């Protein structure tokens, strides 16, 4: 298994992009809740020497600069079946839209699973790319984010629709 990483500077602070073999497997803030230990991220490589990480870095930078709305990257996040099911639904939330933990639980077949959904969202190893910042509390309140609520708010503001009231609840 070939695991390696790069560190990007961003307006949200340093971001660590991790690749495992031929897919992106992690994107973490410096003080990311549930960030894996440094030794599990593999060696840091020069971004220009790794085509996959260079492409991922470009796409993340374009997104943060407001020039990209979707990512086109091979992804390989480590997780169990429930986590993957939740992350797949999170990936469907459109740019500028939000949804709630309860709505995702409903889509999984049982609204009572909202807590389980919250745990899976919190364990997302691909912040920004799998847009867990688009998941909010039942009343629209900003709730937990592995990178902190300040960053969650900044990401949601980046995606604010041009027209007031145009945000979509997915």
N, C-alpha and C. Protein backbone atom coordinates (compact mmCIF):
# COMPACT_ATOMS: atom_id res chain seq x y z
N UNK A 1 0.84 -1.17 0.00
CA UNK A 1 0.00 0.00 0.00
C UNK A 1 0.89 1.24 0.00
N UNK A 2 0.63 2.15 -0.91
CA UNK A 2 1.42 3.37 -1.07
C UNK A 2 0.63 4.55 -0.49
N UNK A 3 0.94 4.95 0.74
CA UNK A 3 0.28 6.08 1.41
C UNK A 3 1.27 7.23 1.46
N UNK A 4 0.79 8.42 1.08
CA UNK A 4 1.62 9.61 1.10
C UNK A 4 0.71 10.83 1.26
N UNK A 5 1.32 11.97 1.59
CA UNK A 5 0.51 13.17 1.79
C UNK A 5 1.25 14.43 1.37
N UNK A 6 0.46 15.49 1.20
CA UNK A 6 0.97 16.84 0.99
C UNK A 6 0.23 17.76 1.95
N UNK A 7 0.84 18.90 2.25
CA UNK A 7 0.20 19.91 3.08
C UNK A 7 0.00 21.15 2.23
N UNK A 8 -1.25 21.62 2.18
CA UNK A 8 -1.60 22.82 1.39
C UNK A 8 -1.86 23.99 2.33
N UNK A 9 -1.45 25.15 1.92
CA UNK A 9 -1.84 26.36 2.63
C UNK A 9 -3.21 26.76 2.10
N UNK A 10 -4.08 27.22 2.98
CA UNK A 10 -5.40 27.69 2.55
C UNK A 10 -5.86 28.78 3.51
N UNK A 11 -6.89 29.49 3.11
CA UNK A 11 -7.47 30.50 3.96
C UNK A 11 -8.10 29.93 5.22
N UNK A 12 -8.30 28.62 5.25
CA UNK A 12 -8.85 27.94 6.42
C UNK A 12 -7.75 27.31 7.27
N UNK A 13 -6.51 27.59 6.92
CA UNK A 13 -5.39 26.99 7.62
C UNK A 13 -4.82 25.85 6.79
N UNK A 14 -3.73 25.25 7.27
CA UNK A 14 -3.12 24.14 6.52
C UNK A 14 -4.07 22.96 6.38
N UNK A 15 -4.07 22.38 5.20
CA UNK A 15 -4.87 21.19 4.91
C UNK A 15 -3.92 20.06 4.52
N UNK A 16 -4.13 18.90 5.09
CA UNK A 16 -3.33 17.73 4.74
C UNK A 16 -4.14 16.83 3.83
N UNK A 17 -3.65 16.63 2.62
CA UNK A 17 -4.27 15.75 1.62
C UNK A 17 -3.52 14.43 1.63
N UNK A 18 -4.25 13.33 1.77
CA UNK A 18 -3.65 12.01 1.85
C UNK A 18 -4.12 11.17 0.67
N UNK A 19 -3.20 10.43 0.08
CA UNK A 19 -3.54 9.49 -0.99
C UNK A 19 -3.10 8.10 -0.56
N UNK A 20 -3.93 7.13 -0.91
CA UNK A 20 -3.59 5.73 -0.72
C UNK A 20 -3.68 5.08 -2.09
N UNK A 21 -2.56 4.59 -2.56
CA UNK A 21 -2.47 4.02 -3.90
C UNK A 21 -2.97 5.05 -4.92
N UNK A 22 -4.05 4.73 -5.64
CA UNK A 22 -4.51 5.60 -6.73
C UNK A 22 -5.77 6.39 -6.38
N UNK A 23 -6.00 6.68 -5.09
CA UNK A 23 -7.20 7.42 -4.69
C UNK A 23 -6.88 8.33 -3.51
N UNK A 24 -7.67 9.39 -3.38
CA UNK A 24 -7.56 10.29 -2.24
C UNK A 24 -8.28 9.63 -1.07
N UNK A 25 -7.59 9.53 0.05
CA UNK A 25 -8.17 8.83 1.20
C UNK A 25 -8.37 9.72 2.41
N UNK A 26 -7.86 10.96 2.37
CA UNK A 26 -8.05 11.84 3.50
C UNK A 26 -7.82 13.29 3.14
N UNK A 27 -8.53 14.17 3.83
CA UNK A 27 -8.32 15.61 3.75
C UNK A 27 -8.64 16.15 5.14
N UNK A 28 -7.62 16.66 5.82
CA UNK A 28 -7.74 17.03 7.23
C UNK A 28 -7.22 18.43 7.50
N UNK A 29 -7.90 19.11 8.43
CA UNK A 29 -7.40 20.36 8.97
C UNK A 29 -6.31 20.03 9.98
N UNK A 30 -5.51 21.02 10.34
CA UNK A 30 -4.44 20.79 11.32
C UNK A 30 -5.01 20.30 12.65
N UNK A 31 -6.02 20.96 13.16
CA UNK A 31 -6.64 20.56 14.44
C UNK A 31 -7.98 19.90 14.17
N UNK A 32 -7.95 18.87 13.37
CA UNK A 32 -9.13 18.13 12.93
C UNK A 32 -9.50 17.10 14.00
N UNK A 33 -10.75 17.10 14.41
CA UNK A 33 -11.21 16.07 15.33
C UNK A 33 -11.10 14.73 14.60
N UNK A 34 -10.57 13.74 15.25
CA UNK A 34 -10.38 12.39 14.69
C UNK A 34 -9.33 12.37 13.57
N UNK A 35 -8.42 13.31 13.58
CA UNK A 35 -7.32 13.28 12.61
C UNK A 35 -6.43 12.10 12.96
N UNK A 36 -6.07 11.30 11.97
CA UNK A 36 -5.19 10.16 12.26
C UNK A 36 -3.80 10.63 12.70
N UNK A 37 -3.07 9.78 13.39
CA UNK A 37 -1.71 10.15 13.80
C UNK A 37 -0.83 10.38 12.57
N UNK A 38 0.11 11.30 12.70
CA UNK A 38 0.98 11.70 11.58
C UNK A 38 1.66 10.51 10.92
N UNK A 39 2.10 9.53 11.71
CA UNK A 39 2.82 8.39 11.14
C UNK A 39 1.95 7.54 10.22
N UNK A 40 0.61 7.64 10.32
CA UNK A 40 -0.26 6.85 9.45
C UNK A 40 -0.55 7.56 8.12
N UNK A 41 -0.07 8.79 7.97
CA UNK A 41 -0.32 9.55 6.74
C UNK A 41 0.73 9.31 5.66
N UNK A 42 1.72 8.52 5.97
CA UNK A 42 2.79 8.26 5.02
C UNK A 42 3.71 9.46 4.91
N UNK A 43 4.72 9.35 4.08
CA UNK A 43 5.68 10.45 3.94
C UNK A 43 5.06 11.65 3.23
N UNK A 44 5.56 12.83 3.55
CA UNK A 44 5.14 14.02 2.80
C UNK A 44 5.94 14.05 1.51
N UNK A 45 5.24 14.27 0.41
CA UNK A 45 5.88 14.28 -0.90
C UNK A 45 5.71 15.66 -1.53
N UNK A 46 6.61 16.04 -2.42
CA UNK A 46 6.42 17.31 -3.14
C UNK A 46 5.17 17.18 -4.02
N UNK A 47 4.27 18.14 -3.91
CA UNK A 47 2.99 18.04 -4.61
C UNK A 47 3.17 17.87 -6.11
N UNK A 48 4.16 18.50 -6.68
CA UNK A 48 4.34 18.41 -8.13
C UNK A 48 4.89 17.06 -8.58
N UNK A 49 5.33 16.24 -7.63
CA UNK A 49 5.86 14.93 -7.99
C UNK A 49 4.82 13.82 -7.88
N UNK A 50 3.61 14.16 -7.50
CA UNK A 50 2.55 13.16 -7.36
C UNK A 50 1.33 13.67 -8.12
N UNK A 51 1.05 13.06 -9.25
CA UNK A 51 -0.02 13.53 -10.13
C UNK A 51 -1.38 13.57 -9.43
N UNK A 52 -1.72 12.52 -8.68
CA UNK A 52 -3.01 12.46 -7.99
C UNK A 52 -3.13 13.58 -6.96
N UNK A 53 -2.10 13.72 -6.11
CA UNK A 53 -2.15 14.76 -5.08
C UNK A 53 -2.11 16.15 -5.70
N UNK A 54 -1.40 16.32 -6.80
CA UNK A 54 -1.38 17.62 -7.48
C UNK A 54 -2.77 17.96 -8.00
N UNK A 55 -3.45 16.99 -8.60
CA UNK A 55 -4.81 17.21 -9.10
C UNK A 55 -5.76 17.52 -7.95
N UNK A 56 -5.65 16.76 -6.87
CA UNK A 56 -6.51 16.99 -5.71
C UNK A 56 -6.25 18.37 -5.11
N UNK A 57 -4.98 18.74 -5.00
CA UNK A 57 -4.63 20.07 -4.46
C UNK A 57 -5.21 21.18 -5.33
N UNK A 58 -5.12 21.02 -6.63
CA UNK A 58 -5.67 22.01 -7.55
C UNK A 58 -7.18 22.14 -7.36
N UNK A 59 -7.87 21.01 -7.30
CA UNK A 59 -9.33 21.05 -7.16
C UNK A 59 -9.76 21.65 -5.83
N UNK A 60 -9.08 21.31 -4.74
CA UNK A 60 -9.42 21.88 -3.43
C UNK A 60 -9.17 23.39 -3.44
N UNK A 61 -8.06 23.82 -4.02
CA UNK A 61 -7.74 25.24 -4.11
C UNK A 61 -8.79 25.97 -4.95
N UNK A 62 -9.16 25.39 -6.08
CA UNK A 62 -10.19 26.01 -6.92
C UNK A 62 -11.51 26.14 -6.17
N UNK A 63 -11.88 25.11 -5.42
CA UNK A 63 -13.12 25.17 -4.62
C UNK A 63 -13.03 26.32 -3.61
N UNK A 64 -11.95 26.36 -2.86
CA UNK A 64 -11.80 27.39 -1.83
C UNK A 64 -11.70 28.80 -2.41
N UNK A 65 -11.28 28.90 -3.67
CA UNK A 65 -11.21 30.19 -4.35
C UNK A 65 -12.54 30.55 -5.03
N UNK A 66 -13.55 29.67 -4.91
CA UNK A 66 -14.85 29.94 -5.52
C UNK A 66 -14.93 29.63 -7.00
N UNK A 67 -13.95 28.86 -7.52
CA UNK A 67 -13.93 28.54 -8.95
C UNK A 67 -14.36 27.12 -9.26
N UNK A 68 -14.76 26.34 -8.26
CA UNK A 68 -15.17 24.95 -8.46
C UNK A 68 -16.32 24.64 -7.53
N UNK A 69 -17.29 23.87 -8.03
CA UNK A 69 -18.44 23.48 -7.22
C UNK A 69 -18.47 21.99 -6.92
N UNK A 70 -17.82 21.20 -7.73
CA UNK A 70 -17.81 19.75 -7.56
C UNK A 70 -16.39 19.22 -7.72
N UNK A 71 -16.16 18.06 -7.13
CA UNK A 71 -14.85 17.43 -7.22
C UNK A 71 -14.93 16.22 -8.14
N UNK A 72 -13.86 16.01 -8.87
CA UNK A 72 -13.75 14.88 -9.78
C UNK A 72 -12.45 14.15 -9.44
N UNK A 73 -12.52 13.38 -8.36
CA UNK A 73 -11.34 12.68 -7.86
C UNK A 73 -11.70 11.25 -7.51
N UNK A 74 -10.78 10.31 -7.69
CA UNK A 74 -11.01 8.96 -7.17
C UNK A 74 -10.87 9.01 -5.64
N UNK A 75 -11.86 8.49 -4.94
CA UNK A 75 -11.87 8.55 -3.48
C UNK A 75 -11.84 7.15 -2.88
N UNK A 76 -11.14 7.02 -1.75
CA UNK A 76 -11.07 5.74 -1.04
C UNK A 76 -11.03 6.00 0.47
N UNK A 77 -12.12 6.55 1.02
CA UNK A 77 -12.13 6.77 2.46
C UNK A 77 -12.30 5.45 3.20
N UNK A 78 -11.57 5.28 4.28
CA UNK A 78 -11.70 4.07 5.09
C UNK A 78 -12.89 4.24 6.02
N UNK A 79 -13.78 3.25 6.03
CA UNK A 79 -14.95 3.30 6.90
C UNK A 79 -15.77 2.03 6.78
N UNK A 80 -16.75 1.91 7.66
CA UNK A 80 -17.62 0.72 7.61
C UNK A 80 -18.79 0.97 6.65
N UNK A 81 -19.65 -0.03 6.52
CA UNK A 81 -20.75 0.06 5.56
C UNK A 81 -21.70 1.22 5.86
N UNK A 82 -22.02 1.43 7.13
CA UNK A 82 -22.93 2.52 7.50
C UNK A 82 -22.28 3.86 7.16
N UNK A 83 -21.02 4.03 7.51
CA UNK A 83 -20.33 5.28 7.19
C UNK A 83 -20.33 5.54 5.69
N UNK A 84 -20.03 4.52 4.90
CA UNK A 84 -20.02 4.70 3.45
C UNK A 84 -21.40 5.06 2.92
N UNK A 85 -22.44 4.45 3.47
CA UNK A 85 -23.81 4.78 3.05
C UNK A 85 -24.12 6.24 3.36
N UNK A 86 -23.73 6.71 4.54
CA UNK A 86 -23.95 8.11 4.92
C UNK A 86 -23.13 9.03 4.03
N UNK A 87 -21.85 8.73 3.84
CA UNK A 87 -20.99 9.59 3.02
C UNK A 87 -21.49 9.67 1.59
N UNK A 88 -22.01 8.56 1.07
CA UNK A 88 -22.57 8.59 -0.29
C UNK A 88 -23.74 9.56 -0.37
N UNK A 89 -24.59 9.60 0.66
CA UNK A 89 -25.71 10.54 0.68
C UNK A 89 -25.22 11.97 0.85
N UNK A 90 -24.20 12.16 1.67
CA UNK A 90 -23.63 13.51 1.86
C UNK A 90 -23.08 14.03 0.53
N UNK A 91 -22.46 13.17 -0.26
CA UNK A 91 -21.91 13.59 -1.55
C UNK A 91 -23.00 14.08 -2.50
N UNK A 92 -24.25 13.67 -2.26
CA UNK A 92 -25.36 14.08 -3.12
C UNK A 92 -25.90 15.46 -2.78
N UNK A 93 -25.53 16.02 -1.64
CA UNK A 93 -26.03 17.35 -1.26
C UNK A 93 -25.42 18.37 -2.23
N UNK A 94 -26.26 19.10 -2.94
CA UNK A 94 -25.72 20.01 -3.95
C UNK A 94 -25.02 21.23 -3.35
N UNK A 95 -24.11 21.76 -4.10
CA UNK A 95 -23.41 23.01 -3.75
C UNK A 95 -24.47 24.05 -3.41
N UNK A 96 -24.30 24.72 -2.27
CA UNK A 96 -25.25 25.75 -1.86
C UNK A 96 -26.45 25.20 -1.11
N UNK A 97 -26.56 23.89 -0.99
CA UNK A 97 -27.67 23.29 -0.28
C UNK A 97 -27.23 22.74 1.06
N UNK A 98 -28.20 22.44 1.89
CA UNK A 98 -27.93 21.80 3.17
C UNK A 98 -28.98 20.73 3.40
N UNK A 99 -28.69 19.87 4.34
CA UNK A 99 -29.67 18.90 4.80
C UNK A 99 -29.42 18.66 6.27
N UNK A 100 -30.25 17.87 6.89
CA UNK A 100 -30.11 17.60 8.32
C UNK A 100 -29.73 16.14 8.53
N UNK A 101 -29.25 15.87 9.73
CA UNK A 101 -28.92 14.50 10.11
C UNK A 101 -30.18 13.63 10.02
N UNK A 102 -31.30 14.19 10.45
CA UNK A 102 -32.57 13.46 10.40
C UNK A 102 -33.00 13.10 9.00
N UNK A 103 -32.83 14.03 8.07
CA UNK A 103 -33.21 13.73 6.67
C UNK A 103 -32.33 12.63 6.08
N UNK A 104 -31.05 12.67 6.42
CA UNK A 104 -30.18 11.58 5.94
C UNK A 104 -30.62 10.27 6.56
N UNK A 105 -30.95 10.28 7.84
CA UNK A 105 -31.43 9.07 8.51
C UNK A 105 -32.71 8.55 7.84
N UNK A 106 -33.60 9.46 7.48
CA UNK A 106 -34.82 9.06 6.76
C UNK A 106 -34.48 8.38 5.45
N UNK A 107 -33.51 8.93 4.74
CA UNK A 107 -33.10 8.33 3.46
C UNK A 107 -32.48 6.97 3.66
N UNK A 108 -31.92 6.74 4.87
CA UNK A 108 -31.39 5.41 5.20
C UNK A 108 -32.50 4.46 5.65
N UNK A 109 -33.69 5.02 5.85
CA UNK A 109 -34.83 4.19 6.19
C UNK A 109 -35.35 4.31 7.61
N UNK A 110 -34.72 5.13 8.47
CA UNK A 110 -35.18 5.23 9.85
C UNK A 110 -34.69 6.54 10.46
N UNK A 111 -35.59 7.48 10.65
CA UNK A 111 -35.24 8.80 11.21
C UNK A 111 -34.58 8.68 12.58
N UNK A 112 -34.85 7.60 13.28
CA UNK A 112 -34.25 7.41 14.61
C UNK A 112 -32.74 7.16 14.53
N UNK A 113 -32.22 6.99 13.35
CA UNK A 113 -30.79 6.76 13.18
C UNK A 113 -29.99 8.07 13.05
N UNK A 114 -30.63 9.21 13.36
CA UNK A 114 -29.95 10.50 13.21
C UNK A 114 -28.65 10.55 14.01
N UNK A 115 -28.63 9.99 15.21
CA UNK A 115 -27.41 9.99 16.01
C UNK A 115 -26.31 9.20 15.29
N UNK A 116 -26.68 8.06 14.74
CA UNK A 116 -25.73 7.22 14.00
C UNK A 116 -25.20 7.98 12.77
N UNK A 117 -26.08 8.71 12.11
CA UNK A 117 -25.68 9.54 10.98
C UNK A 117 -24.68 10.59 11.44
N UNK A 118 -24.96 11.22 12.58
CA UNK A 118 -24.04 12.22 13.12
C UNK A 118 -22.66 11.65 13.39
N UNK A 119 -22.62 10.42 13.90
CA UNK A 119 -21.33 9.78 14.15
C UNK A 119 -20.58 9.53 12.84
N UNK A 120 -21.29 9.09 11.82
CA UNK A 120 -20.66 8.83 10.52
C UNK A 120 -20.18 10.13 9.88
N UNK A 121 -21.00 11.18 9.96
CA UNK A 121 -20.60 12.47 9.40
C UNK A 121 -19.35 12.97 10.12
N UNK A 122 -19.31 12.82 11.43
CA UNK A 122 -18.17 13.26 12.21
C UNK A 122 -16.90 12.48 11.92
N UNK A 123 -17.05 11.26 11.42
CA UNK A 123 -15.90 10.42 11.11
C UNK A 123 -15.43 10.57 9.66
N UNK A 124 -16.07 11.44 8.90
CA UNK A 124 -15.73 11.64 7.49
C UNK A 124 -14.24 12.02 7.35
N UNK A 125 -13.45 11.19 6.67
CA UNK A 125 -12.03 11.50 6.51
C UNK A 125 -11.73 12.44 5.33
N UNK A 126 -12.77 12.85 4.62
CA UNK A 126 -12.56 13.67 3.43
C UNK A 126 -13.34 14.98 3.52
N UNK A 127 -13.02 15.76 4.56
CA UNK A 127 -13.72 17.04 4.72
C UNK A 127 -13.62 17.84 3.43
N UNK A 128 -14.58 18.66 3.20
CA UNK A 128 -14.71 19.51 2.02
C UNK A 128 -15.08 18.69 0.79
N UNK A 129 -14.30 17.67 0.44
CA UNK A 129 -14.57 16.86 -0.76
C UNK A 129 -15.87 16.06 -0.57
N UNK A 130 -16.05 15.43 0.57
CA UNK A 130 -17.33 14.84 0.96
C UNK A 130 -17.91 15.90 1.89
N UNK A 131 -18.84 16.72 1.39
CA UNK A 131 -19.19 17.99 2.02
C UNK A 131 -20.04 17.89 3.29
N UNK A 132 -19.46 17.35 4.34
CA UNK A 132 -20.18 17.20 5.60
C UNK A 132 -20.53 18.55 6.22
N UNK A 133 -19.88 19.63 5.78
CA UNK A 133 -20.24 20.95 6.27
C UNK A 133 -21.66 21.34 5.85
N UNK A 134 -22.23 20.63 4.88
CA UNK A 134 -23.59 20.92 4.41
C UNK A 134 -24.66 20.24 5.26
N UNK A 135 -24.25 19.50 6.29
CA UNK A 135 -25.20 18.84 7.18
C UNK A 135 -25.35 19.70 8.43
N UNK A 136 -26.60 20.08 8.71
CA UNK A 136 -26.88 20.99 9.82
C UNK A 136 -27.90 20.35 10.78
N UNK A 137 -28.09 20.99 11.91
CA UNK A 137 -29.06 20.51 12.89
C UNK A 137 -30.48 20.67 12.38
N UNK A 138 -31.42 20.06 13.08
CA UNK A 138 -32.81 20.02 12.62
C UNK A 138 -33.43 21.40 12.44
N UNK A 139 -33.03 22.38 13.20
CA UNK A 139 -33.56 23.74 13.04
C UNK A 139 -32.69 24.60 12.16
N UNK A 140 -31.73 24.00 11.48
CA UNK A 140 -30.82 24.75 10.62
C UNK A 140 -29.58 25.25 11.36
N UNK A 141 -29.50 24.92 12.66
CA UNK A 141 -28.35 25.38 13.45
C UNK A 141 -27.07 24.67 13.02
N UNK A 142 -25.96 25.40 13.11
CA UNK A 142 -24.67 24.79 12.82
C UNK A 142 -24.31 23.91 14.02
N UNK A 143 -24.11 22.66 13.75
CA UNK A 143 -23.71 21.72 14.79
C UNK A 143 -22.38 21.13 14.38
N UNK A 144 -21.75 20.43 15.28
CA UNK A 144 -20.42 19.88 15.13
C UNK A 144 -19.82 19.81 13.74
N UNK A 145 -18.54 20.10 13.69
CA UNK A 145 -17.77 19.96 12.46
C UNK A 145 -16.34 19.64 12.88
N UNK A 146 -15.76 18.64 12.27
CA UNK A 146 -14.43 18.18 12.67
C UNK A 146 -13.37 19.27 12.57
N UNK A 147 -13.59 20.24 11.72
CA UNK A 147 -12.65 21.35 11.58
C UNK A 147 -13.03 22.56 12.40
N UNK A 148 -14.12 22.45 13.17
CA UNK A 148 -14.59 23.56 13.99
C UNK A 148 -15.71 24.33 13.31
N UNK A 149 -16.59 24.90 14.12
CA UNK A 149 -17.75 25.60 13.58
C UNK A 149 -17.38 26.85 12.78
N UNK A 150 -16.29 27.49 13.12
CA UNK A 150 -15.86 28.67 12.36
C UNK A 150 -15.58 28.28 10.90
N UNK A 151 -14.91 27.15 10.71
CA UNK A 151 -14.62 26.69 9.34
C UNK A 151 -15.91 26.23 8.65
N UNK A 152 -16.80 25.58 9.38
CA UNK A 152 -18.07 25.14 8.79
C UNK A 152 -18.83 26.36 8.27
N UNK A 153 -18.91 27.39 9.09
CA UNK A 153 -19.60 28.62 8.69
C UNK A 153 -18.93 29.22 7.45
N UNK A 154 -17.61 29.25 7.43
CA UNK A 154 -16.88 29.82 6.28
C UNK A 154 -17.18 29.03 5.00
N UNK A 155 -17.22 27.71 5.09
CA UNK A 155 -17.51 26.89 3.91
C UNK A 155 -18.94 27.11 3.43
N UNK A 156 -19.89 27.21 4.35
CA UNK A 156 -21.27 27.45 3.96
C UNK A 156 -21.42 28.85 3.34
N UNK A 157 -20.71 29.82 3.88
CA UNK A 157 -20.75 31.17 3.30
C UNK A 157 -20.14 31.19 1.91
N UNK A 158 -19.10 30.41 1.70
CA UNK A 158 -18.48 30.30 0.38
C UNK A 158 -19.50 29.81 -0.65
N UNK A 159 -20.40 28.95 -0.20
CA UNK A 159 -21.39 28.35 -1.10
C UNK A 159 -22.72 29.09 -1.13
N UNK A 160 -22.83 30.20 -0.41
CA UNK A 160 -24.11 30.90 -0.37
C UNK A 160 -24.57 31.25 -1.77
N UNK A 161 -25.84 30.98 -2.05
CA UNK A 161 -26.38 31.34 -3.37
C UNK A 161 -26.38 32.85 -3.57
N UNK A 162 -26.28 33.27 -4.79
CA UNK A 162 -26.28 34.69 -5.11
C UNK A 162 -27.59 35.34 -4.71
N UNK A 163 -28.70 34.61 -4.83
CA UNK A 163 -30.00 35.17 -4.48
C UNK A 163 -30.34 34.78 -3.05
N UNK A 164 -30.80 35.73 -2.28
CA UNK A 164 -31.23 35.44 -0.91
C UNK A 164 -32.40 34.47 -0.97
N UNK A 165 -32.35 33.47 -0.12
CA UNK A 165 -33.42 32.49 -0.07
C UNK A 165 -33.31 31.40 -1.12
N UNK A 166 -32.23 31.38 -1.87
CA UNK A 166 -32.10 30.38 -2.93
C UNK A 166 -31.48 29.08 -2.44
N UNK A 167 -31.00 29.04 -1.19
CA UNK A 167 -30.42 27.81 -0.68
C UNK A 167 -31.46 26.70 -0.69
N UNK A 168 -31.02 25.52 -1.02
CA UNK A 168 -31.94 24.38 -1.13
C UNK A 168 -31.74 23.44 0.05
N UNK A 169 -32.84 23.04 0.66
CA UNK A 169 -32.76 22.00 1.69
C UNK A 169 -32.92 20.69 0.96
N UNK A 170 -31.92 19.89 0.98
CA UNK A 170 -31.87 18.65 0.21
C UNK A 170 -32.59 17.55 0.97
